[in-house]
């Protein structure tokens, strides 16, 4: 079996901002081995390195990425031939969206996908759909699905997509954090079924403001 040439790069993108040591702790693999997998070679021998299905299972659990999809990306399974949903149709399940100069990158538990924006109308339409799905602009190019935030660390400016605060996260810029602090607390409380932290205060803001106004 032959692994895709870009599989190592895919693993690196999947790890995202998580440190190698954190990925090692979550997967049970060594941080050096994880880096070798991302580079596609054993740095000590320069031999091509190919992860086993068991290794991919550990990585899929650490990165919250579906194991079956991981096997497909690695070439162990053939991709199912079906018409994929557009990213606009999947916005409710996406964690956050990053806007580049000519592209939009979508991050979710299942994948990291990228699309090219071809017109201003298309861009504006996407923003409206994102607003309807409770996306909040937290930085110049960063829009976060607030329905997916499970933990808020104000001191660090971090928003986590898991309640334990051990998985992927995004960092909020200082000004948006000050503006939306109470609103974020309200979303976290609603998403986790808990009461807002009384030390941080209770929000009186509605949960679907005009974020893009």
C-alpha atoms as a PDB file:
ATOM      1  CA  UNK A   1       0.000   0.000   0.000  1.00  0.00           C
ATOM      2  CA  UNK A   2       1.270   3.491  -0.843  1.00  0.00           C
ATOM      3  CA  UNK A   3       0.634   6.463   1.426  1.00  0.00           C
ATOM      4  CA  UNK A   4      -0.341   9.797  -0.123  1.00  0.00           C
ATOM      5  CA  UNK A   5       2.638  12.126  -0.487  1.00  0.00           C
ATOM      6  CA  UNK A   6       0.902  14.846   1.530  1.00  0.00           C
ATOM      7  CA  UNK A   7      -0.261  12.625   4.408  1.00  0.00           C
ATOM      8  CA  UNK A   8       2.430  13.907   6.777  1.00  0.00           C
ATOM      9  CA  UNK A   9       1.409  17.484   6.044  1.00  0.00           C
ATOM     10  CA  UNK A  10      -2.198  16.505   6.720  1.00  0.00           C
ATOM     11  CA  UNK A  11      -1.210  15.145  10.148  1.00  0.00           C
ATOM     12  CA  UNK A  12       0.662  18.347  10.926  1.00  0.00           C
ATOM     13  CA  UNK A  13      -2.345  20.489   9.981  1.00  0.00           C
ATOM     14  CA  UNK A  14      -4.599  18.220  12.016  1.00  0.00           C
ATOM     15  CA  UNK A  15      -2.416  18.770  15.094  1.00  0.00           C
ATOM     16  CA  UNK A  16      -2.742  22.489  14.533  1.00  0.00           C
ATOM     17  CA  UNK A  17      -1.621  24.601  17.501  1.00  0.00           C
ATOM     18  CA  UNK A  18      -1.377  21.593  19.802  1.00  0.00           C
ATOM     19  CA  UNK A  19       2.235  21.078  20.859  1.00  0.00           C
ATOM     20  CA  UNK A  20       4.035  17.855  19.980  1.00  0.00           C
ATOM     21  CA  UNK A  21       4.324  16.966  23.661  1.00  0.00           C
ATOM     22  CA  UNK A  22       0.606  17.550  24.201  1.00  0.00           C
ATOM     23  CA  UNK A  23      -0.159  15.359  21.180  1.00  0.00           C
ATOM     24  CA  UNK A  24       2.155  12.711  22.620  1.00  0.00           C
ATOM     25  CA  UNK A  25       0.374  12.815  25.988  1.00  0.00           C
ATOM     26  CA  UNK A  26      -3.047  12.483  24.369  1.00  0.00           C
ATOM     27  CA  UNK A  27      -2.087   9.720  21.926  1.00  0.00           C
ATOM     28  CA  UNK A  28       0.408   7.668  23.923  1.00  0.00           C
ATOM     29  CA  UNK A  29       2.954   8.041  21.101  1.00  0.00           C
ATOM     30  CA  UNK A  30       6.320   9.748  21.489  1.00  0.00           C
ATOM     31  CA  UNK A  31       6.568  13.357  20.348  1.00  0.00           C
ATOM     32  CA  UNK A  32       9.594  12.466  18.228  1.00  0.00           C
ATOM     33  CA  UNK A  33       7.666   9.711  16.436  1.00  0.00           C
ATOM     34  CA  UNK A  34       4.716  12.045  15.781  1.00  0.00           C
ATOM     35  CA  UNK A  35       7.092  14.553  14.215  1.00  0.00           C
ATOM     36  CA  UNK A  36       8.647  11.806  12.089  1.00  0.00           C
ATOM     37  CA  UNK A  37       5.170  10.910  10.840  1.00  0.00           C
ATOM     38  CA  UNK A  38       4.529  14.541   9.905  1.00  0.00           C
ATOM     39  CA  UNK A  39       7.800  14.651   7.986  1.00  0.00           C
ATOM     40  CA  UNK A  40       7.137  11.248   6.409  1.00  0.00           C
ATOM     41  CA  UNK A  41      10.523   9.836   7.344  1.00  0.00           C
ATOM     42  CA  UNK A  42      12.578   8.520  10.241  1.00  0.00           C
ATOM     43  CA  UNK A  43      14.998  11.358  10.962  1.00  0.00           C
ATOM     44  CA  UNK A  44      17.599   8.974  12.398  1.00  0.00           C
ATOM     45  CA  UNK A  45      17.747   6.672   9.357  1.00  0.00           C
ATOM     46  CA  UNK A  46      16.057   8.856   6.710  1.00  0.00           C
ATOM     47  CA  UNK A  47      13.835   5.869   5.851  1.00  0.00           C
ATOM     48  CA  UNK A  48      10.247   6.429   4.752  1.00  0.00           C
ATOM     49  CA  UNK A  49       7.899   5.972   7.698  1.00  0.00           C
ATOM     50  CA  UNK A  50       4.361   4.622   7.426  1.00  0.00           C
ATOM     51  CA  UNK A  51       1.961   4.623  10.385  1.00  0.00           C
ATOM     52  CA  UNK A  52       0.076   1.442  11.183  1.00  0.00           C
ATOM     53  CA  UNK A  53      -3.726   1.402  11.573  1.00  0.00           C
ATOM     54  CA  UNK A  54      -3.246   1.188  15.355  1.00  0.00           C
ATOM     55  CA  UNK A  55      -1.081   4.315  15.294  1.00  0.00           C
ATOM     56  CA  UNK A  56      -3.701   6.108  13.208  1.00  0.00           C
ATOM     57  CA  UNK A  57      -6.379   5.103  15.710  1.00  0.00           C
ATOM     58  CA  UNK A  58      -4.396   6.735  18.516  1.00  0.00           C
ATOM     59  CA  UNK A  59      -3.908   9.899  16.496  1.00  0.00           C
ATOM     60  CA  UNK A  60      -7.568  10.038  15.499  1.00  0.00           C
ATOM     61  CA  UNK A  61      -8.555   9.895  19.171  1.00  0.00           C
ATOM     62  CA  UNK A  62      -5.997  12.532  20.162  1.00  0.00           C
ATOM     63  CA  UNK A  63      -7.077  14.920  17.408  1.00  0.00           C
ATOM     64  CA  UNK A  64     -10.810  14.126  17.602  1.00  0.00           C
ATOM     65  CA  UNK A  65     -10.739  13.057  13.972  1.00  0.00           C
ATOM     66  CA  UNK A  66     -12.918  10.145  12.723  1.00  0.00           C
ATOM     67  CA  UNK A  67     -10.867   6.943  12.549  1.00  0.00           C
ATOM     68  CA  UNK A  68     -12.500   5.775   9.330  1.00  0.00           C
ATOM     69  CA  UNK A  69     -11.684   9.076   7.628  1.00  0.00           C
ATOM     70  CA  UNK A  70      -8.129   8.845   8.918  1.00  0.00           C
ATOM     71  CA  UNK A  71      -7.754   5.409   7.318  1.00  0.00           C
ATOM     72  CA  UNK A  72      -9.117   6.795   4.056  1.00  0.00           C
ATOM     73  CA  UNK A  73      -6.678   9.693   4.092  1.00  0.00           C
ATOM     74  CA  UNK A  74      -3.820   7.270   4.726  1.00  0.00           C
ATOM     75  CA  UNK A  75      -4.899   5.009   1.865  1.00  0.00           C
ATOM     76  CA  UNK A  76      -5.981   2.016   3.959  1.00  0.00           C
ATOM     77  CA  UNK A  77      -9.599   2.374   2.826  1.00  0.00           C
ATOM     78  CA  UNK A  78     -11.054   3.514  -0.458  1.00  0.00           C
ATOM     79  CA  UNK A  79     -13.064   6.692  -0.297  1.00  0.00           C
ATOM     80  CA  UNK A  80     -16.799   6.264  -0.589  1.00  0.00           C
ATOM     81  CA  UNK A  81     -18.046   7.713  -3.849  1.00  0.00           C
ATOM     82  CA  UNK A  82     -20.769  10.134  -2.938  1.00  0.00           C
ATOM     83  CA  UNK A  83     -21.476  13.779  -3.583  1.00  0.00           C
ATOM     84  CA  UNK A  84     -19.992  15.696  -0.645  1.00  0.00           C
ATOM     85  CA  UNK A  85     -21.920  18.464   1.042  1.00  0.00           C
ATOM     86  CA  UNK A  86     -20.649  21.970   0.434  1.00  0.00           C
ATOM     87  CA  UNK A  87     -18.962  23.631   3.395  1.00  0.00           C
ATOM     88  CA  UNK A  88     -21.857  26.090   3.619  1.00  0.00           C
ATOM     89  CA  UNK A  89     -24.154  23.147   4.297  1.00  0.00           C
ATOM     90  CA  UNK A  90     -21.871  21.986   7.108  1.00  0.00           C
ATOM     91  CA  UNK A  91     -21.437  25.272   8.974  1.00  0.00           C
ATOM     92  CA  UNK A  92     -23.456  24.100  11.974  1.00  0.00           C
ATOM     93  CA  UNK A  93     -20.893  21.342  12.609  1.00  0.00           C
ATOM     94  CA  UNK A  94     -17.738  23.386  11.987  1.00  0.00           C
ATOM     95  CA  UNK A  95     -15.644  24.721  14.876  1.00  0.00           C
ATOM     96  CA  UNK A  96     -14.244  27.851  13.257  1.00  0.00           C
ATOM     97  CA  UNK A  97     -13.469  29.506   9.939  1.00  0.00           C
ATOM     98  CA  UNK A  98     -10.369  31.429   8.862  1.00  0.00           C
ATOM     99  CA  UNK A  99     -10.497  33.912   5.986  1.00  0.00           C
ATOM    100  CA  UNK A 100      -7.404  34.394   3.834  1.00  0.00           C
ATOM    101  CA  UNK A 101      -6.801  36.733   0.916  1.00  0.00           C
ATOM    102  CA  UNK A 102      -8.324  34.390  -1.667  1.00  0.00           C
ATOM    103  CA  UNK A 103      -9.469  31.382   0.326  1.00  0.00           C
ATOM    104  CA  UNK A 104     -11.579  30.276   3.276  1.00  0.00           C
ATOM    105  CA  UNK A 105     -10.402  27.467   5.546  1.00  0.00           C
ATOM    106  CA  UNK A 106     -12.897  25.463   7.609  1.00  0.00           C
ATOM    107  CA  UNK A 107     -11.909  23.552  10.763  1.00  0.00           C
ATOM    108  CA  UNK A 108     -14.079  20.782  12.189  1.00  0.00           C
ATOM    109  CA  UNK A 109     -13.658  17.489  14.102  1.00  0.00           C
ATOM    110  CA  UNK A 110     -13.841  15.665  10.770  1.00  0.00           C
ATOM    111  CA  UNK A 111     -11.588  17.696   8.527  1.00  0.00           C
ATOM    112  CA  UNK A 112      -9.721  20.827   7.563  1.00  0.00           C
ATOM    113  CA  UNK A 113     -11.150  22.025   4.262  1.00  0.00           C
ATOM    114  CA  UNK A 114     -10.336  24.956   2.032  1.00  0.00           C
ATOM    115  CA  UNK A 115     -12.396  26.778  -0.577  1.00  0.00           C
ATOM    116  CA  UNK A 116     -11.689  29.620  -2.978  1.00  0.00           C
ATOM    117  CA  UNK A 117     -13.971  32.667  -2.799  1.00  0.00           C
ATOM    118  CA  UNK A 118     -14.727  33.738  -6.349  1.00  0.00           C
ATOM    119  CA  UNK A 119     -17.011  36.729  -5.847  1.00  0.00           C
ATOM    120  CA  UNK A 120     -18.081  39.381  -3.339  1.00  0.00           C
ATOM    121  CA  UNK A 121     -21.656  38.110  -3.537  1.00  0.00           C
ATOM    122  CA  UNK A 122     -20.525  34.637  -2.546  1.00  0.00           C
ATOM    123  CA  UNK A 123     -18.514  36.091   0.340  1.00  0.00           C
ATOM    124  CA  UNK A 124     -21.437  38.175   1.606  1.00  0.00           C
ATOM    125  CA  UNK A 125     -23.792  35.209   1.340  1.00  0.00           C
ATOM    126  CA  UNK A 126     -21.439  33.110   3.442  1.00  0.00           C
ATOM    127  CA  UNK A 127     -21.233  35.770   6.158  1.00  0.00           C
ATOM    128  CA  UNK A 128     -25.026  35.879   6.389  1.00  0.00           C
ATOM    129  CA  UNK A 129     -25.224  32.113   6.749  1.00  0.00           C
ATOM    130  CA  UNK A 130     -22.518  32.195   9.403  1.00  0.00           C
ATOM    131  CA  UNK A 131     -24.433  34.832  11.324  1.00  0.00           C
ATOM    132  CA  UNK A 132     -27.529  32.628  11.282  1.00  0.00           C
ATOM    133  CA  UNK A 133     -25.398  29.815  12.735  1.00  0.00           C
ATOM    134  CA  UNK A 134     -24.091  31.956  15.641  1.00  0.00           C
ATOM    135  CA  UNK A 135     -20.589  32.603  14.345  1.00  0.00           C
ATOM    136  CA  UNK A 136     -18.699  35.381  16.106  1.00  0.00           C
ATOM    137  CA  UNK A 137     -15.825  37.421  14.659  1.00  0.00           C
ATOM    138  CA  UNK A 138     -13.038  37.091  17.220  1.00  0.00           C
ATOM    139  CA  UNK A 139     -10.119  38.376  15.177  1.00  0.00           C
ATOM    140  CA  UNK A 140      -9.493  40.052  11.833  1.00  0.00           C
ATOM    141  CA  UNK A 141      -9.779  36.799   9.896  1.00  0.00           C
ATOM    142  CA  UNK A 142     -11.243  34.422  12.513  1.00  0.00           C
ATOM    143  CA  UNK A 143     -14.932  33.492  12.891  1.00  0.00           C
ATOM    144  CA  UNK A 144     -15.887  30.987  15.595  1.00  0.00           C
ATOM    145  CA  UNK A 145     -19.017  28.864  15.913  1.00  0.00           C
ATOM    146  CA  UNK A 146     -20.103  29.816  19.430  1.00  0.00           C
ATOM    147  CA  UNK A 147     -22.402  26.810  19.652  1.00  0.00           C
ATOM    148  CA  UNK A 148     -19.287  24.616  19.751  1.00  0.00           C
ATOM    149  CA  UNK A 149     -17.397  26.384  22.565  1.00  0.00           C
ATOM    150  CA  UNK A 150     -17.347  24.276  25.757  1.00  0.00           C
ATOM    151  CA  UNK A 151     -14.760  26.082  27.895  1.00  0.00           C
ATOM    152  CA  UNK A 152     -13.556  29.668  28.218  1.00  0.00           C
ATOM    153  CA  UNK A 153     -10.204  30.599  29.774  1.00  0.00           C
ATOM    154  CA  UNK A 154     -10.390  34.422  30.040  1.00  0.00           C
ATOM    155  CA  UNK A 155      -6.892  34.929  31.448  1.00  0.00           C
ATOM    156  CA  UNK A 156      -5.374  33.137  28.466  1.00  0.00           C
ATOM    157  CA  UNK A 157      -7.932  34.359  25.946  1.00  0.00           C
ATOM    158  CA  UNK A 158      -8.627  30.776  24.865  1.00  0.00           C
ATOM    159  CA  UNK A 159     -11.879  29.156  23.725  1.00  0.00           C
ATOM    160  CA  UNK A 160     -11.925  25.350  23.833  1.00  0.00           C
ATOM    161  CA  UNK A 161     -14.133  22.942  21.913  1.00  0.00           C
ATOM    162  CA  UNK A 162     -14.101  20.398  24.760  1.00  0.00           C
ATOM    163  CA  UNK A 163     -15.198  20.917  28.369  1.00  0.00           C
ATOM    164  CA  UNK A 164     -11.929  19.575  29.791  1.00  0.00           C
ATOM    165  CA  UNK A 165      -9.889  22.208  27.975  1.00  0.00           C
ATOM    166  CA  UNK A 166      -7.459  19.612  26.636  1.00  0.00           C
ATOM    167  CA  UNK A 167      -8.364  19.592  22.964  1.00  0.00           C
ATOM    168  CA  UNK A 168      -8.179  22.122  20.126  1.00  0.00           C
ATOM    169  CA  UNK A 169      -8.781  25.789  20.934  1.00  0.00           C
ATOM    170  CA  UNK A 170      -8.745  29.237  19.374  1.00  0.00           C
ATOM    171  CA  UNK A 171      -7.268  32.399  20.835  1.00  0.00           C
ATOM    172  CA  UNK A 172      -9.450  35.483  20.942  1.00  0.00           C
ATOM    173  CA  UNK A 173      -8.000  38.958  20.310  1.00  0.00           C
ATOM    174  CA  UNK A 174      -8.013  41.418  23.230  1.00  0.00           C
ATOM    175  CA  UNK A 175     -10.644  43.866  21.962  1.00  0.00           C
ATOM    176  CA  UNK A 176     -13.231  41.247  20.910  1.00  0.00           C
ATOM    177  CA  UNK A 177     -12.661  39.447  24.208  1.00  0.00           C
ATOM    178  CA  UNK A 178     -13.457  42.602  26.162  1.00  0.00           C
ATOM    179  CA  UNK A 179     -16.512  43.266  23.990  1.00  0.00           C
ATOM    180  CA  UNK A 180     -17.941  39.742  24.056  1.00  0.00           C
ATOM    181  CA  UNK A 181     -16.706  38.482  27.436  1.00  0.00           C
ATOM    182  CA  UNK A 182     -20.163  38.095  28.995  1.00  0.00           C
ATOM    183  CA  UNK A 183     -21.667  36.752  25.801  1.00  0.00           C
ATOM    184  CA  UNK A 184     -19.018  34.011  25.614  1.00  0.00           C
ATOM    185  CA  UNK A 185     -19.808  33.033  29.206  1.00  0.00           C
ATOM    186  CA  UNK A 186     -23.486  32.704  28.285  1.00  0.00           C
ATOM    187  CA  UNK A 187     -22.721  30.476  25.303  1.00  0.00           C
ATOM    188  CA  UNK A 188     -20.438  28.215  27.320  1.00  0.00           C
ATOM    189  CA  UNK A 189     -23.119  27.871  29.999  1.00  0.00           C
ATOM    190  CA  UNK A 190     -25.748  26.991  27.423  1.00  0.00           C
ATOM    191  CA  UNK A 191     -23.493  24.577  25.519  1.00  0.00           C
ATOM    192  CA  UNK A 192     -22.494  22.688  28.663  1.00  0.00           C
ATOM    193  CA  UNK A 193     -25.846  22.853  30.462  1.00  0.00           C
ATOM    194  CA  UNK A 194     -24.301  24.690  33.413  1.00  0.00           C
ATOM    195  CA  UNK A 195     -24.904  27.980  35.127  1.00  0.00           C
ATOM    196  CA  UNK A 196     -22.591  30.886  34.221  1.00  0.00           C
ATOM    197  CA  UNK A 197     -19.615  31.343  36.543  1.00  0.00           C
ATOM    198  CA  UNK A 198     -20.811  33.875  39.131  1.00  0.00           C
ATOM    199  CA  UNK A 199     -17.265  35.192  39.545  1.00  0.00           C
ATOM    200  CA  UNK A 200     -17.228  36.163  35.894  1.00  0.00           C
ATOM    201  CA  UNK A 201     -20.754  37.510  35.894  1.00  0.00           C
ATOM    202  CA  UNK A 202     -24.000  36.671  34.139  1.00  0.00           C
ATOM    203  CA  UNK A 203     -24.690  37.950  30.662  1.00  0.00           C
ATOM    204  CA  UNK A 204     -27.802  39.882  29.789  1.00  0.00           C
ATOM    205  CA  UNK A 205     -26.951  39.951  26.061  1.00  0.00           C
ATOM    206  CA  UNK A 206     -29.038  37.971  23.562  1.00  0.00           C
ATOM    207  CA  UNK A 207     -27.442  34.864  22.090  1.00  0.00           C
ATOM    208  CA  UNK A 208     -27.770  35.916  18.477  1.00  0.00           C
ATOM    209  CA  UNK A 209     -26.697  39.556  18.144  1.00  0.00           C
ATOM    210  CA  UNK A 210     -25.735  41.195  14.869  1.00  0.00           C
ATOM    211  CA  UNK A 211     -22.132  40.072  15.035  1.00  0.00           C
ATOM    212  CA  UNK A 212     -21.269  41.483  11.650  1.00  0.00           C
ATOM    213  CA  UNK A 213     -22.752  44.927  12.026  1.00  0.00           C
END
